[in-house]
Amino acid sequence: MRELAKKQEFVAVVPPKKNRKHPWNYDKELYKFRNEVERFFLRIKRFRKVFTRYDKRDIIYTQE
């Protein structure tokens, strides 16, 4: 998978497992940023009502 990512000019930032015999190098600072972004999206998902705004849809007010 990492080879495919390299061919498509992506930068793999996933660290290897600690017990791996031949660990690969990765950018630790870039991994920290990736983790921040993932945690941000998880926080957004927790506030689904705010994110999707179901209460503001016009169909809510037209049904009786």
PDB file of N, CA and C in Angstrom:
ATOM      1  N   MET A   1       0.826  -1.186   0.000  1.00  0.00           N
ATOM      2  CA  MET A   1       0.000   0.000   0.000  1.00  0.00           C
ATOM      3  C   MET A   1       0.877   1.257   0.000  1.00  0.00           C
ATOM      4  N   ARG A   2       1.958   1.226   0.778  1.00  0.00           N
ATOM      5  CA  ARG A   2       2.840   2.390   0.816  1.00  0.00           C
ATOM      6  C   ARG A   2       3.519   2.622  -0.525  1.00  0.00           C
ATOM      7  N   GLU A   3       3.820   1.537  -1.248  1.00  0.00           N
ATOM      8  CA  GLU A   3       4.429   1.677  -2.575  1.00  0.00           C
ATOM      9  C   GLU A   3       3.464   2.346  -3.549  1.00  0.00           C
ATOM     10  N   LEU A   4       2.205   1.959  -3.479  1.00  0.00           N
ATOM     11  CA  LEU A   4       1.182   2.584  -4.334  1.00  0.00           C
ATOM     12  C   LEU A   4       1.055   4.064  -4.005  1.00  0.00           C
ATOM     13  N   ALA A   5       1.086   4.394  -2.731  1.00  0.00           N
ATOM     14  CA  ALA A   5       1.007   5.798  -2.323  1.00  0.00           C
ATOM     15  C   ALA A   5       2.204   6.579  -2.852  1.00  0.00           C
ATOM     16  N   LYS A   6       3.387   5.993  -2.804  1.00  0.00           N
ATOM     17  CA  LYS A   6       4.583   6.671  -3.328  1.00  0.00           C
ATOM     18  C   LYS A   6       4.480   6.905  -4.824  1.00  0.00           C
ATOM     19  N   LYS A   7       3.964   5.913  -5.548  1.00  0.00           N
ATOM     20  CA  LYS A   7       3.811   6.045  -6.997  1.00  0.00           C
ATOM     21  C   LYS A   7       2.867   7.198  -7.350  1.00  0.00           C
ATOM     22  N   GLN A   8       1.853   7.411  -6.501  1.00  0.00           N
ATOM     23  CA  GLN A   8       0.887   8.482  -6.751  1.00  0.00           C
ATOM     24  C   GLN A   8       1.296   9.775  -6.062  1.00  0.00           C
ATOM     25  N   GLU A   9       2.529   9.817  -5.590  1.00  0.00           N
ATOM     26  CA  GLU A   9       3.144  10.999  -4.977  1.00  0.00           C
ATOM     27  C   GLU A   9       2.444  11.445  -3.692  1.00  0.00           C
ATOM     28  N   PHE A  10       1.946  10.482  -2.922  1.00  0.00           N
ATOM     29  CA  PHE A  10       1.411  10.763  -1.597  1.00  0.00           C
ATOM     30  C   PHE A  10       2.522  10.553  -0.578  1.00  0.00           C
ATOM     31  N   VAL A  11       2.391  11.181   0.559  1.00  0.00           N
ATOM     32  CA  VAL A  11       3.352  10.993   1.634  1.00  0.00           C
ATOM     33  C   VAL A  11       2.672  10.165   2.723  1.00  0.00           C
ATOM     34  N   ALA A  12       3.182   8.975   2.961  1.00  0.00           N
ATOM     35  CA  ALA A  12       2.612   8.114   4.000  1.00  0.00           C
ATOM     36  C   ALA A  12       3.115   8.588   5.352  1.00  0.00           C
ATOM     37  N   VAL A  13       2.195   8.847   6.267  1.00  0.00           N
ATOM     38  CA  VAL A  13       2.594   9.341   7.589  1.00  0.00           C
ATOM     39  C   VAL A  13       2.150   8.398   8.703  1.00  0.00           C
ATOM     40  N   VAL A  14       1.841   7.169   8.370  1.00  0.00           N
ATOM     41  CA  VAL A  14       1.421   6.192   9.365  1.00  0.00           C
ATOM     42  C   VAL A  14       2.665   5.548   9.967  1.00  0.00           C
ATOM     43  N   PRO A  15       2.801   5.593  11.297  1.00  0.00           N
ATOM     44  CA  PRO A  15       3.976   4.993  11.917  1.00  0.00           C
ATOM     45  C   PRO A  15       3.881   3.474  11.932  1.00  0.00           C
ATOM     46  N   PRO A  16       5.019   2.793  11.940  1.00  0.00           N
ATOM     47  CA  PRO A  16       4.991   1.333  12.028  1.00  0.00           C
ATOM     48  C   PRO A  16       4.677   0.889  13.453  1.00  0.00           C
ATOM     49  N   LYS A  17       4.264  -0.354  13.597  1.00  0.00           N
ATOM     50  CA  LYS A  17       4.042  -0.903  14.933  1.00  0.00           C
ATOM     51  C   LYS A  17       5.379  -0.992  15.661  1.00  0.00           C
ATOM     52  N   LYS A  18       5.340  -0.922  16.965  1.00  0.00           N
ATOM     53  CA  LYS A  18       6.578  -0.929  17.747  1.00  0.00           C
ATOM     54  C   LYS A  18       7.320  -2.250  17.666  1.00  0.00           C
ATOM     55  N   ASN A  19       6.604  -3.354  17.447  1.00  0.00           N
ATOM     56  CA  ASN A  19       7.261  -4.655  17.396  1.00  0.00           C
ATOM     57  C   ASN A  19       7.676  -5.081  15.988  1.00  0.00           C
ATOM     58  N   ARG A  20       7.627  -4.186  15.037  1.00  0.00           N
ATOM     59  CA  ARG A  20       7.999  -4.488  13.653  1.00  0.00           C
ATOM     60  C   ARG A  20       9.505  -4.680  13.537  1.00  0.00           C
ATOM     61  N   LYS A  21       9.923  -5.720  12.812  1.00  0.00           N
ATOM     62  CA  LYS A  21      11.353  -6.021  12.681  1.00  0.00           C
ATOM     63  C   LYS A  21      12.080  -4.995  11.826  1.00  0.00           C
ATOM     64  N   HIS A  22      11.429  -4.525  10.770  1.00  0.00           N
ATOM     65  CA  HIS A  22      12.042  -3.543   9.865  1.00  0.00           C
ATOM     66  C   HIS A  22      11.144  -2.303   9.778  1.00  0.00           C
ATOM     67  N   PRO A  23      11.201  -1.432  10.789  1.00  0.00           N
ATOM     68  CA  PRO A  23      10.322  -0.249  10.760  1.00  0.00           C
ATOM     69  C   PRO A  23      10.743   0.747   9.675  1.00  0.00           C
ATOM     70  N   TRP A  24       9.786   1.476   9.168  1.00  0.00           N
ATOM     71  CA  TRP A  24      10.063   2.476   8.150  1.00  0.00           C
ATOM     72  C   TRP A  24      10.089   3.863   8.787  1.00  0.00           C
ATOM     73  N   ASN A  25      10.661   4.785   8.085  1.00  0.00           N
ATOM     74  CA  ASN A  25      10.725   6.168   8.567  1.00  0.00           C
ATOM     75  C   ASN A  25       9.432   6.895   8.199  1.00  0.00           C
ATOM     76  N   TYR A  26       9.052   7.828   9.048  1.00  0.00           N
ATOM     77  CA  TYR A  26       7.872   8.651   8.777  1.00  0.00           C
ATOM     78  C   TYR A  26       8.085  10.001   9.440  1.00  0.00           C
ATOM     79  N   ASP A  27       7.371  10.984   8.971  1.00  0.00           N
ATOM     80  CA  ASP A  27       7.483  12.343   9.491  1.00  0.00           C
ATOM     81  C   ASP A  27       6.596  12.475  10.733  1.00  0.00           C
ATOM     82  N   LYS A  28       7.201  12.559  11.895  1.00  0.00           N
ATOM     83  CA  LYS A  28       6.449  12.598  13.150  1.00  0.00           C
ATOM     84  C   LYS A  28       5.620  13.869  13.281  1.00  0.00           C
ATOM     85  N   GLU A  29       6.150  14.993  12.823  1.00  0.00           N
ATOM     86  CA  GLU A  29       5.401  16.255  12.913  1.00  0.00           C
ATOM     87  C   GLU A  29       4.176  16.226  12.009  1.00  0.00           C
ATOM     88  N   LEU A  30       4.324  15.680  10.824  1.00  0.00           N
ATOM     89  CA  LEU A  30       3.197  15.567   9.897  1.00  0.00           C
ATOM     90  C   LEU A  30       2.149  14.603  10.454  1.00  0.00           C
ATOM     91  N   TYR A  31       2.591  13.550  11.144  1.00  0.00           N
ATOM     92  CA  TYR A  31       1.662  12.608  11.766  1.00  0.00           C
ATOM     93  C   TYR A  31       0.873  13.285  12.882  1.00  0.00           C
ATOM     94  N   LYS A  32       1.518  14.149  13.651  1.00  0.00           N
ATOM     95  CA  LYS A  32       0.821  14.875  14.711  1.00  0.00           C
ATOM     96  C   LYS A  32      -0.285  15.753  14.105  1.00  0.00           C
ATOM     97  N   PHE A  33       0.013  16.395  12.980  1.00  0.00           N
ATOM     98  CA  PHE A  33      -0.979  17.239  12.320  1.00  0.00           C
ATOM     99  C   PHE A  33      -2.132  16.396  11.793  1.00  0.00           C
ATOM    100  N   ARG A  34      -1.827  15.246  11.225  1.00  0.00           N
ATOM    101  CA  ARG A  34      -2.864  14.342  10.719  1.00  0.00           C
ATOM    102  C   ARG A  34      -3.784  13.920  11.856  1.00  0.00           C
ATOM    103  N   ASN A  35      -3.203  13.620  12.993  1.00  0.00           N
ATOM    104  CA  ASN A  35      -3.977  13.220  14.156  1.00  0.00           C
ATOM    105  C   ASN A  35      -4.897  14.354  14.611  1.00  0.00           C
ATOM    106  N   GLU A  36      -4.415  15.560  14.601  1.00  0.00           N
ATOM    107  CA  GLU A  36      -5.249  16.721  14.965  1.00  0.00           C
ATOM    108  C   GLU A  36      -6.459  16.848  14.047  1.00  0.00           C
ATOM    109  N   VAL A  37      -6.225  16.689  12.765  1.00  0.00           N
ATOM    110  CA  VAL A  37      -7.314  16.807  11.785  1.00  0.00           C
ATOM    111  C   VAL A  37      -8.344  15.708  12.014  1.00  0.00           C
ATOM    112  N   GLU A  38      -7.887  14.482  12.244  1.00  0.00           N
ATOM    113  CA  GLU A  38      -8.819  13.379  12.477  1.00  0.00           C
ATOM    114  C   GLU A  38      -9.637  13.605  13.744  1.00  0.00           C
ATOM    115  N   ARG A  39      -9.015  14.092  14.802  1.00  0.00           N
ATOM    116  CA  ARG A  39      -9.739  14.357  16.040  1.00  0.00           C
ATOM    117  C   ARG A  39     -10.751  15.482  15.844  1.00  0.00           C
ATOM    118  N   PHE A  40     -10.411  16.474  15.028  1.00  0.00           N
ATOM    119  CA  PHE A  40     -11.336  17.576  14.746  1.00  0.00           C
ATOM    120  C   PHE A  40     -12.608  17.051  14.078  1.00  0.00           C
ATOM    121  N   PHE A  41     -12.455  16.175  13.082  1.00  0.00           N
ATOM    122  CA  PHE A  41     -13.625  15.635  12.402  1.00  0.00           C
ATOM    123  C   PHE A  41     -14.456  14.753  13.330  1.00  0.00           C
ATOM    124  N   LEU A  42     -13.826  14.042  14.247  1.00  0.00           N
ATOM    125  CA  LEU A  42     -14.581  13.257  15.221  1.00  0.00           C
ATOM    126  C   LEU A  42     -15.400  14.166  16.133  1.00  0.00           C
ATOM    127  N   ARG A  43     -14.837  15.305  16.508  1.00  0.00           N
ATOM    128  CA  ARG A  43     -15.592  16.255  17.329  1.00  0.00           C
ATOM    129  C   ARG A  43     -16.792  16.804  16.581  1.00  0.00           C
ATOM    130  N   ILE A  44     -16.610  17.087  15.314  1.00  0.00           N
ATOM    131  CA  ILE A  44     -17.724  17.581  14.498  1.00  0.00           C
ATOM    132  C   ILE A  44     -18.828  16.532  14.430  1.00  0.00           C
ATOM    133  N   LYS A  45     -18.460  15.277  14.269  1.00  0.00           N
ATOM    134  CA  LYS A  45     -19.459  14.217  14.176  1.00  0.00           C
ATOM    135  C   LYS A  45     -20.278  14.096  15.457  1.00  0.00           C
ATOM    136  N   ARG A  46     -19.686  14.413  16.599  1.00  0.00           N
ATOM    137  CA  ARG A  46     -20.425  14.351  17.860  1.00  0.00           C
ATOM    138  C   ARG A  46     -21.557  15.368  17.891  1.00  0.00           C
ATOM    139  N   PHE A  47     -21.377  16.490  17.212  1.00  0.00           N
ATOM    140  CA  PHE A  47     -22.395  17.535  17.165  1.00  0.00           C
ATOM    141  C   PHE A  47     -23.188  17.416  15.869  1.00  0.00           C
ATOM    142  N   ARG A  48     -23.758  16.258  15.663  1.00  0.00           N
ATOM    143  CA  ARG A  48     -24.447  15.979  14.414  1.00  0.00           C
ATOM    144  C   ARG A  48     -25.623  16.923  14.190  1.00  0.00           C
ATOM    145  N   LYS A  49     -26.341  17.265  15.254  1.00  0.00           N
ATOM    146  CA  LYS A  49     -27.487  18.161  15.099  1.00  0.00           C
ATOM    147  C   LYS A  49     -27.035  19.499  14.537  1.00  0.00           C
ATOM    148  N   VAL A  50     -25.946  20.018  15.018  1.00  0.00           N
ATOM    149  CA  VAL A  50     -25.439  21.295  14.533  1.00  0.00           C
ATOM    150  C   VAL A  50     -24.920  21.139  13.115  1.00  0.00           C
ATOM    151  N   PHE A  51     -24.278  20.013  12.862  1.00  0.00           N
ATOM    152  CA  PHE A  51     -23.653  19.780  11.556  1.00  0.00           C
ATOM    153  C   PHE A  51     -24.698  19.637  10.448  1.00  0.00           C
ATOM    154  N   THR A  52     -25.757  18.866  10.719  1.00  0.00           N
ATOM    155  CA  THR A  52     -26.744  18.605   9.671  1.00  0.00           C
ATOM    156  C   THR A  52     -27.910  19.582   9.697  1.00  0.00           C
ATOM    157  N   ARG A  53     -28.164  20.195  10.856  1.00  0.00           N
ATOM    158  CA  ARG A  53     -29.233  21.182  11.022  1.00  0.00           C
ATOM    159  C   ARG A  53     -30.589  20.646  10.584  1.00  0.00           C
ATOM    160  N   TYR A  54     -30.984  19.481  11.120  1.00  0.00           N
ATOM    161  CA  TYR A  54     -32.289  18.915  10.797  1.00  0.00           C
ATOM    162  C   TYR A  54     -33.423  19.833  11.229  1.00  0.00           C
ATOM    163  N   ASP A  55     -33.243  20.541  12.327  1.00  0.00           N
ATOM    164  CA  ASP A  55     -34.320  21.386  12.833  1.00  0.00           C
ATOM    165  C   ASP A  55     -34.582  22.605  11.959  1.00  0.00           C
ATOM    166  N   LYS A  56     -33.713  22.923  11.033  1.00  0.00           N
ATOM    167  CA  LYS A  56     -33.891  24.105  10.180  1.00  0.00           C
ATOM    168  C   LYS A  56     -34.410  23.760   8.788  1.00  0.00           C
ATOM    169  N   ARG A  57     -34.718  22.507   8.558  1.00  0.00           N
ATOM    170  CA  ARG A  57     -35.226  22.130   7.228  1.00  0.00           C
ATOM    171  C   ARG A  57     -36.685  22.544   7.100  1.00  0.00           C
ATOM    172  N   ASP A  58     -37.093  22.959   5.913  1.00  0.00           N
ATOM    173  CA  ASP A  58     -38.455  23.449   5.710  1.00  0.00           C
ATOM    174  C   ASP A  58     -39.509  22.359   5.914  1.00  0.00           C
ATOM    175  N   ILE A  59     -39.138  21.102   5.683  1.00  0.00           N
ATOM    176  CA  ILE A  59     -40.107  20.012   5.845  1.00  0.00           C
ATOM    177  C   ILE A  59     -40.542  19.857   7.311  1.00  0.00           C
ATOM    178  N   ILE A  60     -39.719  20.244   8.236  1.00  0.00           N
ATOM    179  CA  ILE A  60     -40.044  20.165   9.668  1.00  0.00           C
ATOM    180  C   ILE A  60     -41.235  21.077   9.987  1.00  0.00           C
ATOM    181  N   TYR A  61     -41.273  22.237   9.364  1.00  0.00           N
ATOM    182  CA  TYR A  61     -42.325  23.209   9.644  1.00  0.00           C
ATOM    183  C   TYR A  61     -43.598  22.973   8.840  1.00  0.00           C
ATOM    184  N   THR A  62     -43.532  22.222   7.769  1.00  0.00           N
ATOM    185  CA  THR A  62     -44.719  22.003   6.945  1.00  0.00           C
ATOM    186  C   THR A  62     -45.548  20.824   7.417  1.00  0.00           C
ATOM    187  N   GLN A  63     -44.965  19.894   8.168  1.00  0.00           N
ATOM    188  CA  GLN A  63     -45.716  18.739   8.656  1.00  0.00           C
ATOM    189  C   GLN A  63     -46.496  19.102   9.908  1.00  0.00           C
ATOM    190  N   GLU A  64     -47.674  18.517  10.012  1.00  0.00           N
ATOM    191  CA  GLU A  64     -48.486  18.781  11.209  1.00  0.00           C
ATOM    192  C   GLU A  64     -48.724  17.524  11.969  1.00  0.00           C
TER     193      GLU A  64
END
